Amino acid sequence: MSIERDLNKQEEEMIYKAIDEFQECGKTDIACPICNGKLKYIGNYSSFRVFCENCGEVYSLRGI
Protein backbone atom coordinates (compact mmCIF):
# COMPACT_ATOMS: atom_id res chain seq x y z
CA MET A 1 0.00 0.00 0.00
CA SER A 2 1.22 3.52 -0.78
CA ILE A 3 -0.10 6.90 0.16
CA GLU A 4 -2.32 8.33 -2.54
CA ARG A 5 -1.73 12.02 -1.97
CA ASP A 6 1.19 14.40 -2.24
CA LEU A 7 3.03 15.34 0.92
CA ASN A 8 2.66 18.92 2.08
CA LYS A 9 5.79 21.02 2.60
CA GLN A 10 6.05 20.32 6.35
CA GLU A 11 5.61 16.55 5.84
CA GLU A 12 8.19 16.60 3.05
CA GLU A 13 10.72 18.40 5.28
CA MET A 14 10.26 15.76 7.99
CA ILE A 15 10.83 12.97 5.45
CA TYR A 16 14.00 14.69 4.16
CA LYS A 17 15.32 15.00 7.72
CA ALA A 18 14.58 11.30 8.31
CA ILE A 19 16.39 10.40 5.07
CA ASP A 20 19.45 12.37 6.20
CA GLU A 21 19.42 10.53 9.53
CA PHE A 22 19.04 7.14 7.83
CA GLN A 23 21.97 7.88 5.52
CA GLU A 24 24.21 9.26 8.29
CA CYS A 25 23.31 6.99 11.22
CA GLY A 26 21.45 4.05 9.71
CA LYS A 27 18.33 4.82 11.76
CA THR A 28 15.92 7.60 12.72
CA ASP A 29 13.55 8.38 15.56
CA ILE A 30 11.40 10.56 13.31
CA ALA A 31 7.89 9.16 12.94
CA CYS A 32 5.74 9.17 9.81
CA PRO A 33 4.33 12.69 9.40
CA ILE A 34 1.04 11.23 8.15
CA CYS A 35 0.14 8.60 10.77
CA ASN A 36 2.98 8.70 13.34
CA GLY A 37 4.08 5.16 12.41
CA LYS A 38 7.66 3.87 12.30
CA LEU A 39 9.68 4.75 9.18
CA LYS A 40 11.93 2.27 7.37
CA TYR A 41 14.60 3.00 4.75
CA ILE A 42 15.58 0.69 1.91
CA GLY A 43 18.32 1.53 -0.56
CA ASN A 44 21.57 3.45 -0.84
CA TYR A 45 22.56 7.09 -1.39
CA SER A 46 21.35 7.38 -4.99
CA SER A 47 18.27 5.17 -5.04
CA PHE A 48 16.03 4.58 -2.05
CA ARG A 49 12.53 4.25 -0.63
CA VAL A 50 11.09 5.34 2.68
CA PHE A 51 8.27 3.19 4.01
CA CYS A 52 5.90 3.64 6.92
CA GLU A 53 4.76 0.56 8.81
CA ASN A 54 1.15 1.76 8.38
CA CYS A 55 1.03 3.90 5.19
CA GLY A 56 3.37 1.88 2.99
CA GLU A 57 5.70 3.76 0.65
CA VAL A 58 5.93 7.41 1.64
CA TYR A 59 8.83 8.63 -0.52
CA SER A 60 11.12 7.22 -3.19
CA LEU A 61 13.99 8.39 -5.36
CA ARG A 62 15.61 6.57 -8.25
CA GLY A 63 19.23 7.41 -8.99
CA ILE A 64 21.25 7.12 -12.14
PDB file of N, CA and C in Angstrom:
ATOM      1  N   MET A   1       0.841  -1.164   0.000  1.00  0.00           N
ATOM      2  CA  MET A   1       0.000   0.000   0.000  1.00  0.00           C
ATOM      3  C   MET A   1       0.891   1.235   0.000  1.00  0.00           C
ATOM      4  N   SER A   2       0.516   2.254  -0.731  1.00  0.00           N
ATOM      5  CA  SER A   2       1.225   3.524  -0.777  1.00  0.00           C
ATOM      6  C   SER A   2       0.244   4.641  -0.495  1.00  0.00           C
ATOM      7  N   ILE A   3       0.792   5.767  -0.036  1.00  0.00           N
ATOM      8  CA  ILE A   3      -0.103   6.901   0.162  1.00  0.00           C
ATOM      9  C   ILE A   3      -0.563   7.396  -1.195  1.00  0.00           C
ATOM     10  N   GLU A   4      -1.766   7.916  -1.263  1.00  0.00           N
ATOM     11  CA  GLU A   4      -2.324   8.331  -2.544  1.00  0.00           C
ATOM     12  C   GLU A   4      -2.509   9.830  -2.613  1.00  0.00           C
ATOM     13  N   ARG A   5      -1.674  10.569  -1.908  1.00  0.00           N
ATOM     14  CA  ARG A   5      -1.729  12.017  -1.967  1.00  0.00           C
ATOM     15  C   ARG A   5      -0.303  12.546  -1.893  1.00  0.00           C
ATOM     16  N   ASP A   6      -0.114  13.771  -2.336  1.00  0.00           N
ATOM     17  CA  ASP A   6       1.189  14.397  -2.241  1.00  0.00           C
ATOM     18  C   ASP A   6       1.422  14.870  -0.815  1.00  0.00           C
ATOM     19  N   LEU A   7       2.676  14.841  -0.399  1.00  0.00           N
ATOM     20  CA  LEU A   7       3.028  15.342   0.915  1.00  0.00           C
ATOM     21  C   LEU A   7       3.005  16.859   0.905  1.00  0.00           C
ATOM     22  N   ASN A   8       2.571  17.467   2.004  1.00  0.00           N
ATOM     23  CA  ASN A   8       2.656  18.921   2.079  1.00  0.00           C
ATOM     24  C   ASN A   8       4.099  19.301   2.434  1.00  0.00           C
ATOM     25  N   LYS A   9       4.410  20.572   2.413  1.00  0.00           N
ATOM     26  CA  LYS A   9       5.790  21.023   2.600  1.00  0.00           C
ATOM     27  C   LYS A   9       6.354  20.590   3.955  1.00  0.00           C
ATOM     28  N   GLN A  10       5.577  20.697   5.017  1.00  0.00           N
ATOM     29  CA  GLN A  10       6.049  20.319   6.346  1.00  0.00           C
ATOM     30  C   GLN A  10       6.313  18.810   6.425  1.00  0.00           C
ATOM     31  N   GLU A  11       5.423  18.005   5.852  1.00  0.00           N
ATOM     32  CA  GLU A  11       5.615  16.551   5.840  1.00  0.00           C
ATOM     33  C   GLU A  11       6.855  16.186   5.038  1.00  0.00           C
ATOM     34  N   GLU A  12       7.032  16.850   3.901  1.00  0.00           N
ATOM     35  CA  GLU A  12       8.192  16.604   3.050  1.00  0.00           C
ATOM     36  C   GLU A  12       9.492  16.927   3.789  1.00  0.00           C
ATOM     37  N   GLU A  13       9.526  18.030   4.523  1.00  0.00           N
ATOM     38  CA  GLU A  13      10.717  18.400   5.284  1.00  0.00           C
ATOM     39  C   GLU A  13      11.046  17.356   6.346  1.00  0.00           C
ATOM     40  N   MET A  14      10.030  16.806   6.989  1.00  0.00           N
ATOM     41  CA  MET A  14      10.256  15.759   7.992  1.00  0.00           C
ATOM     42  C   MET A  14      10.830  14.504   7.339  1.00  0.00           C
ATOM     43  N   ILE A  15      10.317  14.144   6.166  1.00  0.00           N
ATOM     44  CA  ILE A  15      10.826  12.974   5.453  1.00  0.00           C
ATOM     45  C   ILE A  15      12.284  13.193   5.052  1.00  0.00           C
ATOM     46  N   TYR A  16      12.619  14.393   4.546  1.00  0.00           N
ATOM     47  CA  TYR A  16      14.005  14.694   4.162  1.00  0.00           C
ATOM     48  C   TYR A  16      14.939  14.605   5.364  1.00  0.00           C
ATOM     49  N   LYS A  17      14.497  15.089   6.506  1.00  0.00           N
ATOM     50  CA  LYS A  17      15.316  14.999   7.719  1.00  0.00           C
ATOM     51  C   LYS A  17      15.523  13.538   8.106  1.00  0.00           C
ATOM     52  N   ALA A  18      14.468  12.728   8.009  1.00  0.00           N
ATOM     53  CA  ALA A  18      14.580  11.299   8.315  1.00  0.00           C
ATOM     54  C   ALA A  18      15.543  10.621   7.345  1.00  0.00           C
ATOM     55  N   ILE A  19      15.482  10.972   6.065  1.00  0.00           N
ATOM     56  CA  ILE A  19      16.391  10.397   5.065  1.00  0.00           C
ATOM     57  C   ILE A  19      17.830  10.721   5.427  1.00  0.00           C
ATOM     58  N   ASP A  20      18.092  11.979   5.791  1.00  0.00           N
ATOM     59  CA  ASP A  20      19.451  12.366   6.202  1.00  0.00           C
ATOM     60  C   ASP A  20      19.922  11.525   7.381  1.00  0.00           C
ATOM     61  N   GLU A  21      19.055  11.331   8.364  1.00  0.00           N
ATOM     62  CA  GLU A  21      19.422  10.528   9.529  1.00  0.00           C
ATOM     63  C   GLU A  21      19.668   9.067   9.154  1.00  0.00           C
ATOM     64  N   PHE A  22      18.830   8.517   8.283  1.00  0.00           N
ATOM     65  CA  PHE A  22      19.039   7.139   7.830  1.00  0.00           C
ATOM     66  C   PHE A  22      20.395   7.009   7.140  1.00  0.00           C
ATOM     67  N   GLN A  23      20.722   7.963   6.277  1.00  0.00           N
ATOM     68  CA  GLN A  23      21.974   7.879   5.519  1.00  0.00           C
ATOM     69  C   GLN A  23      23.202   8.130   6.393  1.00  0.00           C
ATOM     70  N   GLU A  24      23.078   8.970   7.412  1.00  0.00           N
ATOM     71  CA  GLU A  24      24.208   9.265   8.290  1.00  0.00           C
ATOM     72  C   GLU A  24      24.373   8.248   9.413  1.00  0.00           C
ATOM     73  N   CYS A  25      23.259   7.827  10.011  1.00  0.00           N
ATOM     74  CA  CYS A  25      23.310   6.989  11.219  1.00  0.00           C
ATOM     75  C   CYS A  25      22.769   5.579  11.029  1.00  0.00           C
ATOM     76  N   GLY A  26      22.050   5.359   9.942  1.00  0.00           N
ATOM     77  CA  GLY A  26      21.452   4.051   9.711  1.00  0.00           C
ATOM     78  C   GLY A  26      20.107   3.858  10.387  1.00  0.00           C
ATOM     79  N   LYS A  27      19.626   4.908  11.088  1.00  0.00           N
ATOM     80  CA  LYS A  27      18.333   4.823  11.763  1.00  0.00           C
ATOM     81  C   LYS A  27      17.807   6.232  11.986  1.00  0.00           C
ATOM     82  N   THR A  28      16.525   6.324  12.365  1.00  0.00           N
ATOM     83  CA  THR A  28      15.919   7.598  12.719  1.00  0.00           C
ATOM     84  C   THR A  28      14.838   7.383  13.772  1.00  0.00           C
ATOM     85  N   ASP A  29      14.636   8.399  14.582  1.00  0.00           N
ATOM     86  CA  ASP A  29      13.551   8.378  15.563  1.00  0.00           C
ATOM     87  C   ASP A  29      12.359   9.186  15.067  1.00  0.00           C
ATOM     88  N   ILE A  30      12.481   9.763  13.882  1.00  0.00           N
ATOM     89  CA  ILE A  30      11.399  10.557  13.309  1.00  0.00           C
ATOM     90  C   ILE A  30      10.272   9.619  12.892  1.00  0.00           C
ATOM     91  N   ALA A  31       9.068   9.963  13.269  1.00  0.00           N
ATOM     92  CA  ALA A  31       7.890   9.156  12.936  1.00  0.00           C
ATOM     93  C   ALA A  31       7.276   9.647  11.626  1.00  0.00           C
ATOM     94  N   CYS A  32       6.455   8.811  11.031  1.00  0.00           N
ATOM     95  CA  CYS A  32       5.745   9.166   9.808  1.00  0.00           C
ATOM     96  C   CYS A  32       4.925  10.437  10.057  1.00  0.00           C
ATOM     97  N   PRO A  33       5.078  11.452   9.206  1.00  0.00           N
ATOM     98  CA  PRO A  33       4.333  12.690   9.403  1.00  0.00           C
ATOM     99  C   PRO A  33       2.834  12.542   9.115  1.00  0.00           C
ATOM    100  N   ILE A  34       2.446  11.446   8.511  1.00  0.00           N
ATOM    101  CA  ILE A  34       1.044  11.230   8.152  1.00  0.00           C
ATOM    102  C   ILE A  34       0.292  10.517   9.275  1.00  0.00           C
ATOM    103  N   CYS A  35       0.879   9.418   9.793  1.00  0.00           N
ATOM    104  CA  CYS A  35       0.142   8.604  10.774  1.00  0.00           C
ATOM    105  C   CYS A  35       0.912   8.360  12.067  1.00  0.00           C
ATOM    106  N   ASN A  36       2.139   8.863  12.160  1.00  0.00           N
ATOM    107  CA  ASN A  36       2.985   8.702  13.341  1.00  0.00           C
ATOM    108  C   ASN A  36       3.544   7.285  13.478  1.00  0.00           C
ATOM    109  N   GLY A  37       3.520   6.511  12.383  1.00  0.00           N
ATOM    110  CA  GLY A  37       4.081   5.161  12.408  1.00  0.00           C
ATOM    111  C   GLY A  37       5.594   5.176  12.264  1.00  0.00           C
ATOM    112  N   LYS A  38       6.208   4.013  12.393  1.00  0.00           N
ATOM    113  CA  LYS A  38       7.655   3.868  12.300  1.00  0.00           C
ATOM    114  C   LYS A  38       8.092   3.891  10.831  1.00  0.00           C
ATOM    115  N   LEU A  39       9.153   4.661  10.538  1.00  0.00           N
ATOM    116  CA  LEU A  39       9.684   4.752   9.181  1.00  0.00           C
ATOM    117  C   LEU A  39      10.799   3.736   8.979  1.00  0.00           C
ATOM    118  N   LYS A  40      10.873   3.202   7.762  1.00  0.00           N
ATOM    119  CA  LYS A  40      11.930   2.267   7.370  1.00  0.00           C
ATOM    120  C   LYS A  40      12.555   2.776   6.079  1.00  0.00           C
ATOM    121  N   TYR A  41      13.839   2.521   5.908  1.00  0.00           N
ATOM    122  CA  TYR A  41      14.598   2.997   4.752  1.00  0.00           C
ATOM    123  C   TYR A  41      15.189   1.801   4.040  1.00  0.00           C
ATOM    124  N   ILE A  42      15.011   1.756   2.721  1.00  0.00           N
ATOM    125  CA  ILE A  42      15.584   0.686   1.915  1.00  0.00           C
ATOM    126  C   ILE A  42      16.308   1.334   0.748  1.00  0.00           C
ATOM    127  N   GLY A  43      17.585   1.009   0.577  1.00  0.00           N
ATOM    128  CA  GLY A  43      18.320   1.534  -0.557  1.00  0.00           C
ATOM    129  C   GLY A  43      19.705   1.996  -0.193  1.00  0.00           C
ATOM    130  N   ASN A  44      20.250   2.875  -1.048  1.00  0.00           N
ATOM    131  CA  ASN A  44      21.565   3.445  -0.837  1.00  0.00           C
ATOM    132  C   ASN A  44      21.467   4.956  -1.018  1.00  0.00           C
ATOM    133  N   TYR A  45      22.583   5.625  -1.307  1.00  0.00           N
ATOM    134  CA  TYR A  45      22.562   7.087  -1.392  1.00  0.00           C
ATOM    135  C   TYR A  45      21.922   7.627  -2.668  1.00  0.00           C
ATOM    136  N   SER A  46      21.883   6.855  -3.738  1.00  0.00           N
ATOM    137  CA  SER A  46      21.352   7.383  -4.994  1.00  0.00           C
ATOM    138  C   SER A  46      19.977   6.836  -5.367  1.00  0.00           C
ATOM    139  N   SER A  47      19.565   5.762  -4.735  1.00  0.00           N
ATOM    140  CA  SER A  47      18.273   5.167  -5.045  1.00  0.00           C
ATOM    141  C   SER A  47      17.714   4.561  -3.768  1.00  0.00           C
ATOM    142  N   PHE A  48      16.565   5.057  -3.322  1.00  0.00           N
ATOM    143  CA  PHE A  48      16.034   4.576  -2.054  1.00  0.00           C
ATOM    144  C   PHE A  48      14.532   4.770  -1.971  1.00  0.00           C
ATOM    145  N   ARG A  49      13.949   4.120  -0.951  1.00  0.00           N
ATOM    146  CA  ARG A  49      12.532   4.252  -0.634  1.00  0.00           C
ATOM    147  C   ARG A  49      12.388   4.392   0.869  1.00  0.00           C
ATOM    148  N   VAL A  50      11.427   5.200   1.273  1.00  0.00           N
ATOM    149  CA  VAL A  50      11.090   5.341   2.682  1.00  0.00           C
ATOM    150  C   VAL A  50       9.678   4.800   2.842  1.00  0.00           C
ATOM    151  N   PHE A  51       9.550   3.837   3.746  1.00  0.00           N
ATOM    152  CA  PHE A  51       8.268   3.193   4.011  1.00  0.00           C
ATOM    153  C   PHE A  51       7.810   3.501   5.423  1.00  0.00           C
ATOM    154  N   CYS A  52       6.507   3.542   5.597  1.00  0.00           N
ATOM    155  CA  CYS A  52       5.902   3.636   6.925  1.00  0.00           C
ATOM    156  C   CYS A  52       5.265   2.279   7.204  1.00  0.00           C
ATOM    157  N   GLU A  53       5.342   1.857   8.459  1.00  0.00           N
ATOM    158  CA  GLU A  53       4.757   0.558   8.811  1.00  0.00           C
ATOM    159  C   GLU A  53       3.247   0.528   8.594  1.00  0.00           C
ATOM    160  N   ASN A  54       2.594   1.694   8.566  1.00  0.00           N
ATOM    161  CA  ASN A  54       1.147   1.756   8.377  1.00  0.00           C
ATOM    162  C   ASN A  54       0.743   2.238   6.981  1.00  0.00           C
ATOM    163  N   CYS A  55       1.407   3.258   6.468  1.00  0.00           N
ATOM    164  CA  CYS A  55       1.027   3.898   5.194  1.00  0.00           C
ATOM    165  C   CYS A  55       1.616   3.211   3.958  1.00  0.00           C
ATOM    166  N   GLY A  56       2.673   2.446   4.141  1.00  0.00           N
ATOM    167  CA  GLY A  56       3.369   1.881   2.993  1.00  0.00           C
ATOM    168  C   GLY A  56       4.425   2.858   2.506  1.00  0.00           C
ATOM    169  N   GLU A  57       4.668   2.888   1.199  1.00  0.00           N
ATOM    170  CA  GLU A  57       5.702   3.764   0.653  1.00  0.00           C
ATOM    171  C   GLU A  57       5.294   5.212   0.809  1.00  0.00           C
ATOM    172  N   VAL A  58       6.190   6.002   1.410  1.00  0.00           N
ATOM    173  CA  VAL A  58       5.926   7.409   1.644  1.00  0.00           C
ATOM    174  C   VAL A  58       6.730   8.276   0.675  1.00  0.00           C
ATOM    175  N   TYR A  59       7.954   7.835   0.343  1.00  0.00           N
ATOM    176  CA  TYR A  59       8.829   8.634  -0.519  1.00  0.00           C
ATOM    177  C   TYR A  59       9.797   7.702  -1.222  1.00  0.00           C
ATOM    178  N   SER A  60      10.113   8.003  -2.480  1.00  0.00           N
ATOM    179  CA  SER A  60      11.118   7.223  -3.192  1.00  0.00           C
ATOM    180  C   SER A  60      11.893   8.111  -4.152  1.00  0.00           C
ATOM    181  N   LEU A  61      13.116   7.685  -4.430  1.00  0.00           N
ATOM    182  CA  LEU A  61      13.986   8.391  -5.364  1.00  0.00           C
ATOM    183  C   LEU A  61      14.795   7.363  -6.117  1.00  0.00           C
ATOM    184  N   ARG A  62      14.805   7.469  -7.433  1.00  0.00           N
ATOM    185  CA  ARG A  62      15.608   6.568  -8.247  1.00  0.00           C
ATOM    186  C   ARG A  62      16.799   7.311  -8.790  1.00  0.00           C
ATOM    187  N   GLY A  63      17.983   6.785  -8.550  1.00  0.00           N
ATOM    188  CA  GLY A  63      19.226   7.406  -8.990  1.00  0.00           C
ATOM    189  C   GLY A  63      19.570   7.054 -10.420  1.00  0.00           C
ATOM    190  N   ILE A  64      20.783   7.362 -10.775  1.00  0.00           N
ATOM    191  CA  ILE A  64      21.245   7.124 -12.138  1.00  0.00           C
ATOM    192  C   ILE A  64      21.474   5.657 -12.377  1.00  0.00           C
TER     193      ILE A  64
END
